[in-house]
Amino acid sequence: MKYSSSHTLYCLKEEMRDKMRKWREENSRNSEQIVEVGEELINEYGSKLGDDIWIIYEQVMIAALDYGRDDLALFCLQELRRQFPGSHRVKRLTGMRFEAMERYDDAIQLYD
């Protein structure tokens, strides 16, 4: 059976999404892999992920902070802020970014 390239891309997207879900469910702390797979998933398939994109942004953002990829963390945070302005969850993520940047006073103000 010959597969079309769109079928192959669909399978790859699903495989990557499943990996991310599995790591979330297992509370895996494999930040490097999450950043690698998550960044590709966002860049290549983000528009095709539906509402799953938001939990993936959150997962990748946290892993990116842990892995020292502030550029990626900021990108994910900005997308989440745009979608969920005023969200307490996004506020918490902003605080986590402040902590990663050693801006503890800013983080504490957000948490209060």
PDB file of N, CA and C in Angstrom:
ATOM      1  N   MET A   1       0.844  -1.179   0.000  1.00  0.00           N
ATOM      2  CA  MET A   1       0.000   0.000   0.000  1.00  0.00           C
ATOM      3  C   MET A   1       0.890   1.244   0.000  1.00  0.00           C
ATOM      4  N   LYS A   2       0.611   2.141  -0.874  1.00  0.00           N
ATOM      5  CA  LYS A   2       1.398   3.365  -0.982  1.00  0.00           C
ATOM      6  C   LYS A   2       0.671   4.490  -0.250  1.00  0.00           C
ATOM      7  N   TYR A   3       1.413   5.218   0.603  1.00  0.00           N
ATOM      8  CA  TYR A   3       0.821   6.316   1.358  1.00  0.00           C
ATOM      9  C   TYR A   3       1.130   7.641   0.685  1.00  0.00           C
ATOM     10  N   SER A   4       0.178   8.526   0.727  1.00  0.00           N
ATOM     11  CA  SER A   4       0.416   9.873   0.206  1.00  0.00           C
ATOM     12  C   SER A   4       1.261  10.638   1.216  1.00  0.00           C
ATOM     13  N   SER A   5       1.900  11.694   0.755  1.00  0.00           N
ATOM     14  CA  SER A   5       2.726  12.479   1.673  1.00  0.00           C
ATOM     15  C   SER A   5       1.869  13.133   2.755  1.00  0.00           C
ATOM     16  N   SER A   6       0.626  13.478   2.442  1.00  0.00           N
ATOM     17  CA  SER A   6      -0.237  14.077   3.465  1.00  0.00           C
ATOM     18  C   SER A   6      -0.583  13.059   4.543  1.00  0.00           C
ATOM     19  N   HIS A   7      -0.739  11.783   4.159  1.00  0.00           N
ATOM     20  CA  HIS A   7      -0.997  10.731   5.141  1.00  0.00           C
ATOM     21  C   HIS A   7       0.220  10.567   6.049  1.00  0.00           C
ATOM     22  N   THR A   8       1.405  10.588   5.465  1.00  0.00           N
ATOM     23  CA  THR A   8       2.639  10.457   6.234  1.00  0.00           C
ATOM     24  C   THR A   8       2.782  11.616   7.213  1.00  0.00           C
ATOM     25  N   LEU A   9       2.497  12.841   6.755  1.00  0.00           N
ATOM     26  CA  LEU A   9       2.573  14.010   7.637  1.00  0.00           C
ATOM     27  C   LEU A   9       1.555  13.909   8.763  1.00  0.00           C
ATOM     28  N   TYR A  10       0.352  13.422   8.447  1.00  0.00           N
ATOM     29  CA  TYR A  10      -0.684  13.249   9.465  1.00  0.00           C
ATOM     30  C   TYR A  10      -0.195  12.274  10.537  1.00  0.00           C
ATOM     31  N   CYS A  11       0.398  11.163  10.102  1.00  0.00           N
ATOM     32  CA  CYS A  11       0.892  10.164  11.051  1.00  0.00           C
ATOM     33  C   CYS A  11       2.000  10.739  11.927  1.00  0.00           C
ATOM     34  N   LEU A  12       2.895  11.517  11.324  1.00  0.00           N
ATOM     35  CA  LEU A  12       3.978  12.141  12.073  1.00  0.00           C
ATOM     36  C   LEU A  12       3.423  13.117  13.112  1.00  0.00           C
ATOM     37  N   LYS A  13       2.460  13.933  12.702  1.00  0.00           N
ATOM     38  CA  LYS A  13       1.836  14.890  13.629  1.00  0.00           C
ATOM     39  C   LYS A  13       1.185  14.147  14.793  1.00  0.00           C
ATOM     40  N   GLU A  14       0.452  13.080  14.485  1.00  0.00           N
ATOM     41  CA  GLU A  14      -0.222  12.309  15.537  1.00  0.00           C
ATOM     42  C   GLU A  14       0.784  11.647  16.470  1.00  0.00           C
ATOM     43  N   GLU A  15       1.862  11.140  15.905  1.00  0.00           N
ATOM     44  CA  GLU A  15       2.899  10.503  16.715  1.00  0.00           C
ATOM     45  C   GLU A  15       3.532  11.519  17.673  1.00  0.00           C
ATOM     46  N   MET A  16       3.816  12.712  17.161  1.00  0.00           N
ATOM     47  CA  MET A  16       4.408  13.758  17.995  1.00  0.00           C
ATOM     48  C   MET A  16       3.425  14.217  19.067  1.00  0.00           C
ATOM     49  N   ARG A  17       2.165  14.381  18.694  1.00  0.00           N
ATOM     50  CA  ARG A  17       1.146  14.799  19.660  1.00  0.00           C
ATOM     51  C   ARG A  17       0.993  13.733  20.748  1.00  0.00           C
ATOM     52  N   ASP A  18       1.009  12.464  20.354  1.00  0.00           N
ATOM     53  CA  ASP A  18       0.886  11.370  21.319  1.00  0.00           C
ATOM     54  C   ASP A  18       2.070  11.338  22.285  1.00  0.00           C
ATOM     55  N   LYS A  19       3.272  11.595  21.766  1.00  0.00           N
ATOM     56  CA  LYS A  19       4.459  11.654  22.633  1.00  0.00           C
ATOM     57  C   LYS A  19       4.301  12.747  23.680  1.00  0.00           C
ATOM     58  N   MET A  20       3.874  13.918  23.228  1.00  0.00           N
ATOM     59  CA  MET A  20       3.694  15.045  24.146  1.00  0.00           C
ATOM     60  C   MET A  20       2.647  14.701  25.209  1.00  0.00           C
ATOM     61  N   ARG A  21       1.550  14.079  24.793  1.00  0.00           N
ATOM     62  CA  ARG A  21       0.488  13.698  25.731  1.00  0.00           C
ATOM     63  C   ARG A  21       1.019  12.690  26.748  1.00  0.00           C
ATOM     64  N   LYS A  22       1.762  11.703  26.271  1.00  0.00           N
ATOM     65  CA  LYS A  22       2.313  10.668  27.150  1.00  0.00           C
ATOM     66  C   LYS A  22       3.240  11.309  28.188  1.00  0.00           C
ATOM     67  N   TRP A  23       4.103  12.206  27.742  1.00  0.00           N
ATOM     68  CA  TRP A  23       5.021  12.867  28.673  1.00  0.00           C
ATOM     69  C   TRP A  23       4.256  13.704  29.691  1.00  0.00           C
ATOM     70  N   ARG A  24       3.161  14.341  29.259  1.00  0.00           N
ATOM     71  CA  ARG A  24       2.337  15.135  30.190  1.00  0.00           C
ATOM     72  C   ARG A  24       1.708  14.224  31.230  1.00  0.00           C
ATOM     73  N   GLU A  25       1.124  13.131  30.763  1.00  0.00           N
ATOM     74  CA  GLU A  25       0.429  12.215  31.671  1.00  0.00           C
ATOM     75  C   GLU A  25       1.386  11.580  32.670  1.00  0.00           C
ATOM     76  N   GLU A  26       2.625  11.354  32.248  1.00  0.00           N
ATOM     77  CA  GLU A  26       3.630  10.739  33.126  1.00  0.00           C
ATOM     78  C   GLU A  26       4.389  11.777  33.953  1.00  0.00           C
ATOM     79  N   ASN A  27       4.043  13.060  33.773  1.00  0.00           N
ATOM     80  CA  ASN A  27       4.772  14.153  34.433  1.00  0.00           C
ATOM     81  C   ASN A  27       6.275  14.042  34.207  1.00  0.00           C
ATOM     82  N   SER A  28       6.659  13.713  32.985  1.00  0.00           N
ATOM     83  CA  SER A  28       8.074  13.545  32.638  1.00  0.00           C
ATOM     84  C   SER A  28       8.814  14.867  32.724  1.00  0.00           C
ATOM     85  N   ARG A  29      10.046  14.786  33.182  1.00  0.00           N
ATOM     86  CA  ARG A  29      10.891  15.978  33.290  1.00  0.00           C
ATOM     87  C   ARG A  29      11.995  15.891  32.229  1.00  0.00           C
ATOM     88  N   ASN A  30      11.640  15.488  31.040  1.00  0.00           N
ATOM     89  CA  ASN A  30      12.595  15.361  29.942  1.00  0.00           C
ATOM     90  C   ASN A  30      12.517  16.609  29.069  1.00  0.00           C
ATOM     91  N   SER A  31      12.949  17.704  29.645  1.00  0.00           N
ATOM     92  CA  SER A  31      12.764  19.021  29.029  1.00  0.00           C
ATOM     93  C   SER A  31      13.376  19.129  27.640  1.00  0.00           C
ATOM     94  N   GLU A  32      14.560  18.552  27.447  1.00  0.00           N
ATOM     95  CA  GLU A  32      15.211  18.654  26.142  1.00  0.00           C
ATOM     96  C   GLU A  32      14.346  18.019  25.052  1.00  0.00           C
ATOM     97  N   GLN A  33      13.825  16.825  25.315  1.00  0.00           N
ATOM     98  CA  GLN A  33      12.982  16.137  24.328  1.00  0.00           C
ATOM     99  C   GLN A  33      11.671  16.880  24.108  1.00  0.00           C
ATOM    100  N   ILE A  34      11.082  17.380  25.173  1.00  0.00           N
ATOM    101  CA  ILE A  34       9.818  18.115  25.053  1.00  0.00           C
ATOM    102  C   ILE A  34      10.021  19.361  24.198  1.00  0.00           C
ATOM    103  N   VAL A  35      11.129  20.063  24.425  1.00  0.00           N
ATOM    104  CA  VAL A  35      11.429  21.255  23.627  1.00  0.00           C
ATOM    105  C   VAL A  35      11.615  20.866  22.164  1.00  0.00           C
ATOM    106  N   GLU A  36      12.383  19.815  21.928  1.00  0.00           N
ATOM    107  CA  GLU A  36      12.668  19.376  20.560  1.00  0.00           C
ATOM    108  C   GLU A  36      11.394  19.001  19.808  1.00  0.00           C
ATOM    109  N   VAL A  37      10.635  18.090  20.374  1.00  0.00           N
ATOM    110  CA  VAL A  37       9.414  17.608  19.721  1.00  0.00           C
ATOM    111  C   VAL A  37       8.356  18.706  19.697  1.00  0.00           C
ATOM    112  N   GLY A  38       8.198  19.393  20.813  1.00  0.00           N
ATOM    113  CA  GLY A  38       7.170  20.425  20.915  1.00  0.00           C
ATOM    114  C   GLY A  38       7.394  21.590  19.979  1.00  0.00           C
ATOM    115  N   GLU A  39       8.642  22.030  19.856  1.00  0.00           N
ATOM    116  CA  GLU A  39       8.933  23.155  18.961  1.00  0.00           C
ATOM    117  C   GLU A  39       8.626  22.781  17.509  1.00  0.00           C
ATOM    118  N   GLU A  40       9.003  21.575  17.119  1.00  0.00           N
ATOM    119  CA  GLU A  40       8.699  21.131  15.750  1.00  0.00           C
ATOM    120  C   GLU A  40       7.194  20.996  15.546  1.00  0.00           C
ATOM    121  N   LEU A  41       6.517  20.435  16.529  1.00  0.00           N
ATOM    122  CA  LEU A  41       5.063  20.275  16.439  1.00  0.00           C
ATOM    123  C   LEU A  41       4.380  21.633  16.280  1.00  0.00           C
ATOM    124  N   ILE A  42       4.793  22.603  17.068  1.00  0.00           N
ATOM    125  CA  ILE A  42       4.224  23.953  16.986  1.00  0.00           C
ATOM    126  C   ILE A  42       4.530  24.592  15.631  1.00  0.00           C
ATOM    127  N   ASN A  43       5.795  24.527  15.229  1.00  0.00           N
ATOM    128  CA  ASN A  43       6.204  25.193  13.990  1.00  0.00           C
ATOM    129  C   ASN A  43       5.624  24.549  12.737  1.00  0.00           C
ATOM    130  N   GLU A  44       5.569  23.227  12.719  1.00  0.00           N
ATOM    131  CA  GLU A  44       5.141  22.528  11.505  1.00  0.00           C
ATOM    132  C   GLU A  44       3.639  22.249  11.456  1.00  0.00           C
ATOM    133  N   TYR A  45       3.027  22.041  12.617  1.00  0.00           N
ATOM    134  CA  TYR A  45       1.635  21.584  12.632  1.00  0.00           C
ATOM    135  C   TYR A  45       0.725  22.403  13.531  1.00  0.00           C
ATOM    136  N   GLY A  46       1.219  23.487  14.086  1.00  0.00           N
ATOM    137  CA  GLY A  46       0.455  24.278  15.053  1.00  0.00           C
ATOM    138  C   GLY A  46      -0.949  24.621  14.606  1.00  0.00           C
ATOM    139  N   SER A  47      -1.095  25.004  13.360  1.00  0.00           N
ATOM    140  CA  SER A  47      -2.414  25.413  12.860  1.00  0.00           C
ATOM    141  C   SER A  47      -3.363  24.231  12.677  1.00  0.00           C
ATOM    142  N   LYS A  48      -2.836  23.015  12.759  1.00  0.00           N
ATOM    143  CA  LYS A  48      -3.665  21.822  12.551  1.00  0.00           C
ATOM    144  C   LYS A  48      -3.961  21.075  13.857  1.00  0.00           C
ATOM    145  N   LEU A  49      -3.594  21.668  14.986  1.00  0.00           N
ATOM    146  CA  LEU A  49      -3.732  20.968  16.268  1.00  0.00           C
ATOM    147  C   LEU A  49      -5.021  21.291  17.012  1.00  0.00           C
ATOM    148  N   GLY A  50      -5.787  22.225  16.505  1.00  0.00           N
ATOM    149  CA  GLY A  50      -7.027  22.592  17.187  1.00  0.00           C
ATOM    150  C   GLY A  50      -6.734  23.110  18.584  1.00  0.00           C
ATOM    151  N   ASP A  51      -7.608  22.793  19.523  1.00  0.00           N
ATOM    152  CA  ASP A  51      -7.442  23.276  20.898  1.00  0.00           C
ATOM    153  C   ASP A  51      -6.284  22.610  21.642  1.00  0.00           C
ATOM    154  N   ASP A  52      -5.760  21.510  21.117  1.00  0.00           N
ATOM    155  CA  ASP A  52      -4.591  20.875  21.747  1.00  0.00           C
ATOM    156  C   ASP A  52      -3.385  21.804  21.769  1.00  0.00           C
ATOM    157  N   ILE A  53      -3.365  22.773  20.879  1.00  0.00           N
ATOM    158  CA  ILE A  53      -2.208  23.670  20.788  1.00  0.00           C
ATOM    159  C   ILE A  53      -1.954  24.389  22.109  1.00  0.00           C
ATOM    160  N   TRP A  54      -3.016  24.699  22.865  1.00  0.00           N
ATOM    161  CA  TRP A  54      -2.841  25.504  24.082  1.00  0.00           C
ATOM    162  C   TRP A  54      -2.128  24.732  25.176  1.00  0.00           C
ATOM    163  N   ILE A  55      -2.465  23.467  25.367  1.00  0.00           N
ATOM    164  CA  ILE A  55      -1.779  22.663  26.388  1.00  0.00           C
ATOM    165  C   ILE A  55      -0.348  22.370  25.941  1.00  0.00           C
ATOM    166  N   ILE A  56      -0.149  22.264  24.632  1.00  0.00           N
ATOM    167  CA  ILE A  56       1.201  22.045  24.107  1.00  0.00           C
ATOM    168  C   ILE A  56       2.053  23.293  24.319  1.00  0.00           C
ATOM    169  N   TYR A  57       1.486  24.473  24.073  1.00  0.00           N
ATOM    170  CA  TYR A  57       2.224  25.713  24.361  1.00  0.00           C
ATOM    171  C   TYR A  57       2.648  25.747  25.829  1.00  0.00           C
ATOM    172  N   GLU A  58       1.736  25.392  26.718  1.00  0.00           N
ATOM    173  CA  GLU A  58       2.052  25.421  28.149  1.00  0.00           C
ATOM    174  C   GLU A  58       3.162  24.427  28.487  1.00  0.00           C
ATOM    175  N   GLN A  59       3.032  23.216  27.976  1.00  0.00           N
ATOM    176  CA  GLN A  59       4.022  22.169  28.237  1.00  0.00           C
ATOM    177  C   GLN A  59       5.402  22.565  27.700  1.00  0.00           C
ATOM    178  N   VAL A  60       5.428  23.079  26.490  1.00  0.00           N
ATOM    179  CA  VAL A  60       6.691  23.484  25.870  1.00  0.00           C
ATOM    180  C   VAL A  60       7.281  24.687  26.606  1.00  0.00           C
ATOM    181  N   MET A  61       6.427  25.607  27.028  1.00  0.00           N
ATOM    182  CA  MET A  61       6.916  26.789  27.736  1.00  0.00           C
ATOM    183  C   MET A  61       7.647  26.393  29.023  1.00  0.00           C
ATOM    184  N   ILE A  62       7.061  25.512  29.797  1.00  0.00           N
ATOM    185  CA  ILE A  62       7.669  25.074  31.056  1.00  0.00           C
ATOM    186  C   ILE A  62       8.981  24.335  30.787  1.00  0.00           C
ATOM    187  N   ALA A  63       8.976  23.450  29.792  1.00  0.00           N
ATOM    188  CA  ALA A  63      10.197  22.718  29.439  1.00  0.00           C
ATOM    189  C   ALA A  63      11.274  23.669  28.924  1.00  0.00           C
ATOM    190  N   ALA A  64      10.866  24.669  28.149  1.00  0.00           N
ATOM    191  CA  ALA A  64      11.821  25.639  27.605  1.00  0.00           C
ATOM    192  C   ALA A  64      12.483  26.438  28.726  1.00  0.00           C
ATOM    193  N   LEU A  65      11.722  26.793  29.756  1.00  0.00           N
ATOM    194  CA  LEU A  65      12.309  27.483  30.912  1.00  0.00           C
ATOM    195  C   LEU A  65      13.344  26.591  31.583  1.00  0.00           C
ATOM    196  N   ASP A  66      12.986  25.337  31.759  1.00  0.00           N
ATOM    197  CA  ASP A  66      13.861  24.367  32.406  1.00  0.00           C
ATOM    198  C   ASP A  66      15.129  24.132  31.586  1.00  0.00           C
ATOM    199  N   TYR A  67      14.999  24.178  30.282  1.00  0.00           N
ATOM    200  CA  TYR A  67      16.103  23.873  29.361  1.00  0.00           C
ATOM    201  C   TYR A  67      16.911  25.113  28.972  1.00  0.00           C
ATOM    202  N   GLY A  68      16.476  26.282  29.441  1.00  0.00           N
ATOM    203  CA  GLY A  68      17.209  27.508  29.151  1.00  0.00           C
ATOM    204  C   GLY A  68      16.899  28.131  27.800  1.00  0.00           C
ATOM    205  N   ARG A  69      15.729  27.821  27.260  1.00  0.00           N
ATOM    206  CA  ARG A  69      15.314  28.391  25.973  1.00  0.00           C
ATOM    207  C   ARG A  69      14.279  29.488  26.217  1.00  0.00           C
ATOM    208  N   ASP A  70      14.741  30.616  26.754  1.00  0.00           N
ATOM    209  CA  ASP A  70      13.819  31.700  27.083  1.00  0.00           C
ATOM    210  C   ASP A  70      13.104  32.237  25.849  1.00  0.00           C
ATOM    211  N   ASP A  71      13.767  32.201  24.698  1.00  0.00           N
ATOM    212  CA  ASP A  71      13.131  32.677  23.465  1.00  0.00           C
ATOM    213  C   ASP A  71      11.866  31.882  23.160  1.00  0.00           C
ATOM    214  N   LEU A  72      11.965  30.567  23.281  1.00  0.00           N
ATOM    215  CA  LEU A  72      10.823  29.695  23.018  1.00  0.00           C
ATOM    216  C   LEU A  72       9.774  29.838  24.118  1.00  0.00           C
ATOM    217  N   ALA A  73      10.225  29.932  25.363  1.00  0.00           N
ATOM    218  CA  ALA A  73       9.299  30.113  26.484  1.00  0.00           C
ATOM    219  C   ALA A  73       8.489  31.392  26.296  1.00  0.00           C
ATOM    220  N   LEU A  74       9.156  32.466  25.907  1.00  0.00           N
ATOM    221  CA  LEU A  74       8.475  33.742  25.699  1.00  0.00           C
ATOM    222  C   LEU A  74       7.476  33.653  24.549  1.00  0.00           C
ATOM    223  N   PHE A  75       7.855  33.005  23.462  1.00  0.00           N
ATOM    224  CA  PHE A  75       6.943  32.837  22.329  1.00  0.00           C
ATOM    225  C   PHE A  75       5.666  32.111  22.771  1.00  0.00           C
ATOM    226  N   CYS A  76       5.836  30.994  23.478  1.00  0.00           N
ATOM    227  CA  CYS A  76       4.673  30.217  23.938  1.00  0.00           C
ATOM    228  C   CYS A  76       3.813  31.045  24.887  1.00  0.00           C
ATOM    229  N   LEU A  77       4.456  31.754  25.812  1.00  0.00           N
ATOM    230  CA  LEU A  77       3.731  32.581  26.772  1.00  0.00           C
ATOM    231  C   LEU A  77       2.940  33.675  26.060  1.00  0.00           C
ATOM    232  N   GLN A  78       3.538  34.302  25.062  1.00  0.00           N
ATOM    233  CA  GLN A  78       2.834  35.352  24.315  1.00  0.00           C
ATOM    234  C   GLN A  78       1.603  34.801  23.600  1.00  0.00           C
ATOM    235  N   GLU A  79       1.720  33.607  23.040  1.00  0.00           N
ATOM    236  CA  GLU A  79       0.569  32.987  22.373  1.00  0.00           C
ATOM    237  C   GLU A  79      -0.541  32.689  23.385  1.00  0.00           C
ATOM    238  N   LEU A  80      -0.162  32.191  24.551  1.00  0.00           N
ATOM    239  CA  LEU A  80      -1.148  31.899  25.595  1.00  0.00           C
ATOM    240  C   LEU A  80      -1.801  33.179  26.112  1.00  0.00           C
ATOM    241  N   ARG A  81      -1.008  34.229  26.287  1.00  0.00           N
ATOM    242  CA  ARG A  81      -1.559  35.524  26.730  1.00  0.00           C
ATOM    243  C   ARG A  81      -2.558  36.074  25.721  1.00  0.00           C
ATOM    244  N   ARG A  82      -2.219  35.927  24.454  1.00  0.00           N
ATOM    245  CA  ARG A  82      -3.098  36.429  23.395  1.00  0.00           C
ATOM    246  C   ARG A  82      -4.446  35.682  23.411  1.00  0.00           C
ATOM    247  N   GLN A  83      -4.389  34.387  23.650  1.00  0.00           N
ATOM    248  CA  GLN A  83      -5.613  33.574  23.648  1.00  0.00           C
ATOM    249  C   GLN A  83      -6.397  33.703  24.952  1.00  0.00           C
ATOM    250  N   PHE A  84      -5.682  33.830  26.074  1.00  0.00           N
ATOM    251  CA  PHE A  84      -6.330  33.831  27.391  1.00  0.00           C
ATOM    252  C   PHE A  84      -5.907  35.055  28.210  1.00  0.00           C
ATOM    253  N   PRO A  85      -6.248  36.254  27.763  1.00  0.00           N
ATOM    254  CA  PRO A  85      -5.838  37.452  28.512  1.00  0.00           C
ATOM    255  C   PRO A  85      -6.483  37.451  29.905  1.00  0.00           C
ATOM    256  N   GLY A  86      -5.697  37.778  30.908  1.00  0.00           N
ATOM    257  CA  GLY A  86      -6.225  37.846  32.269  1.00  0.00           C
ATOM    258  C   GLY A  86      -6.356  36.507  32.972  1.00  0.00           C
ATOM    259  N   SER A  87      -5.960  35.422  32.327  1.00  0.00           N
ATOM    260  CA  SER A  87      -6.074  34.085  32.912  1.00  0.00           C
ATOM    261  C   SER A  87      -5.119  33.922  34.100  1.00  0.00           C
ATOM    262  N   HIS A  88      -5.622  33.318  35.180  1.00  0.00           N
ATOM    263  CA  HIS A  88      -4.777  33.051  36.355  1.00  0.00           C
ATOM    264  C   HIS A  88      -3.682  32.050  36.009  1.00  0.00           C
ATOM    265  N   ARG A  89      -4.014  31.107  35.166  1.00  0.00           N
ATOM    266  CA  ARG A  89      -3.034  30.097  34.757  1.00  0.00           C
ATOM    267  C   ARG A  89      -1.882  30.747  33.983  1.00  0.00           C
ATOM    268  N   VAL A  90      -2.210  31.655  33.088  1.00  0.00           N
ATOM    269  CA  VAL A  90      -1.183  32.364  32.319  1.00  0.00           C
ATOM    270  C   VAL A  90      -0.369  33.271  33.240  1.00  0.00           C
ATOM    271  N   LYS A  91      -1.028  33.840  34.240  1.00  0.00           N
ATOM    272  CA  LYS A  91      -0.317  34.659  35.234  1.00  0.00           C
ATOM    273  C   LYS A  91       0.722  33.811  35.972  1.00  0.00           C
ATOM    274  N   ARG A  92       0.330  32.594  36.336  1.00  0.00           N
ATOM    275  CA  ARG A  92       1.247  31.676  37.022  1.00  0.00           C
ATOM    276  C   ARG A  92       2.438  31.345  36.123  1.00  0.00           C
ATOM    277  N   LEU A  93       2.171  31.120  34.840  1.00  0.00           N
ATOM    278  CA  LEU A  93       3.252  30.837  33.893  1.00  0.00           C
ATOM    279  C   LEU A  93       4.187  32.041  33.743  1.00  0.00           C
ATOM    280  N   THR A  94       3.612  33.236  33.761  1.00  0.00           N
ATOM    281  CA  THR A  94       4.420  34.458  33.701  1.00  0.00           C
ATOM    282  C   THR A  94       5.318  34.533  34.931  1.00  0.00           C
ATOM    283  N   GLY A  95       4.761  34.195  36.085  1.00  0.00           N
ATOM    284  CA  GLY A  95       5.550  34.163  37.319  1.00  0.00           C
ATOM    285  C   GLY A  95       6.686  33.155  37.241  1.00  0.00           C
ATOM    286  N   MET A  96       6.418  32.015  36.654  1.00  0.00           N
ATOM    287  CA  MET A  96       7.463  30.999  36.488  1.00  0.00           C
ATOM    288  C   MET A  96       8.594  31.528  35.605  1.00  0.00           C
ATOM    289  N   ARG A  97       8.226  32.273  34.579  1.00  0.00           N
ATOM    290  CA  ARG A  97       9.252  32.860  33.697  1.00  0.00           C
ATOM    291  C   ARG A  97      10.071  33.892  34.469  1.00  0.00           C
ATOM    292  N   PHE A  98       9.390  34.714  35.270  1.00  0.00           N
ATOM    293  CA  PHE A  98      10.119  35.683  36.097  1.00  0.00           C
ATOM    294  C   PHE A  98      11.098  34.964  37.028  1.00  0.00           C
ATOM    295  N   GLU A  99      10.652  33.868  37.636  1.00  0.00           N
ATOM    296  CA  GLU A  99      11.531  33.100  38.521  1.00  0.00           C
ATOM    297  C   GLU A  99      12.742  32.580  37.758  1.00  0.00           C
ATOM    298  N   ALA A 100      12.516  32.062  36.560  1.00  0.00           N
ATOM    299  CA  ALA A 100      13.621  31.539  35.747  1.00  0.00           C
ATOM    300  C   ALA A 100      14.616  32.643  35.393  1.00  0.00           C
ATOM    301  N   MET A 101      14.114  33.878  35.308  1.00  0.00           N
ATOM    302  CA  MET A 101      14.971  35.029  34.997  1.00  0.00           C
ATOM    303  C   MET A 101      15.537  35.663  36.271  1.00  0.00           C
ATOM    304  N   GLU A 102      15.254  35.031  37.424  1.00  0.00           N
ATOM    305  CA  GLU A 102      15.684  35.507  38.744  1.00  0.00           C
ATOM    306  C   GLU A 102      15.088  36.868  39.089  1.00  0.00           C
ATOM    307  N   ARG A 103      13.908  37.127  38.567  1.00  0.00           N
ATOM    308  CA  ARG A 103      13.161  38.355  38.898  1.00  0.00           C
ATOM    309  C   ARG A 103      12.100  37.975  39.940  1.00  0.00           C
ATOM    310  N   TYR A 104      12.579  37.637  41.121  1.00  0.00           N
ATOM    311  CA  TYR A 104      11.713  37.082  42.158  1.00  0.00           C
ATOM    312  C   TYR A 104      10.678  38.074  42.668  1.00  0.00           C
ATOM    313  N   ASP A 105      11.035  39.341  42.782  1.00  0.00           N
ATOM    314  CA  ASP A 105      10.069  40.344  43.251  1.00  0.00           C
ATOM    315  C   ASP A 105       8.892  40.461  42.284  1.00  0.00           C
ATOM    316  N   ASP A 106       9.192  40.438  40.984  1.00  0.00           N
ATOM    317  CA  ASP A 106       8.119  40.491  39.984  1.00  0.00           C
ATOM    318  C   ASP A 106       7.225  39.258  40.086  1.00  0.00           C
ATOM    319  N   ALA A 107       7.840  38.107  40.307  1.00  0.00           N
ATOM    320  CA  ALA A 107       7.071  36.867  40.433  1.00  0.00           C
ATOM    321  C   ALA A 107       6.160  36.924  41.658  1.00  0.00           C
ATOM    322  N   ILE A 108       6.700  37.380  42.781  1.00  0.00           N
ATOM    323  CA  ILE A 108       5.914  37.457  44.020  1.00  0.00           C
ATOM    324  C   ILE A 108       4.721  38.388  43.844  1.00  0.00           C
ATOM    325  N   GLN A 109       4.927  39.520  43.172  1.00  0.00           N
ATOM    326  CA  GLN A 109       3.816  40.450  42.926  1.00  0.00           C
ATOM    327  C   GLN A 109       2.708  39.777  42.117  1.00  0.00           C
ATOM    328  N   LEU A 110       3.082  38.958  41.162  1.00  0.00           N
ATOM    329  CA  LEU A 110       2.069  38.260  40.358  1.00  0.00           C
ATOM    330  C   LEU A 110       1.306  37.234  41.183  1.00  0.00           C
ATOM    331  N   TYR A 111       2.019  36.549  42.063  1.00  0.00           N
ATOM    332  CA  TYR A 111       1.396  35.485  42.848  1.00  0.00           C
ATOM    333  C   TYR A 111       0.473  36.027  43.935  1.00  0.00           C
ATOM    334  N   ASP A 112       0.690  37.267  44.372  1.00  0.00           N
ATOM    335  CA  ASP A 112      -0.145  37.845  45.445  1.00  0.00           C
ATOM    336  C   ASP A 112      -1.520  38.223  44.965  1.00  0.00           C
TER     337      ASP A 112
END
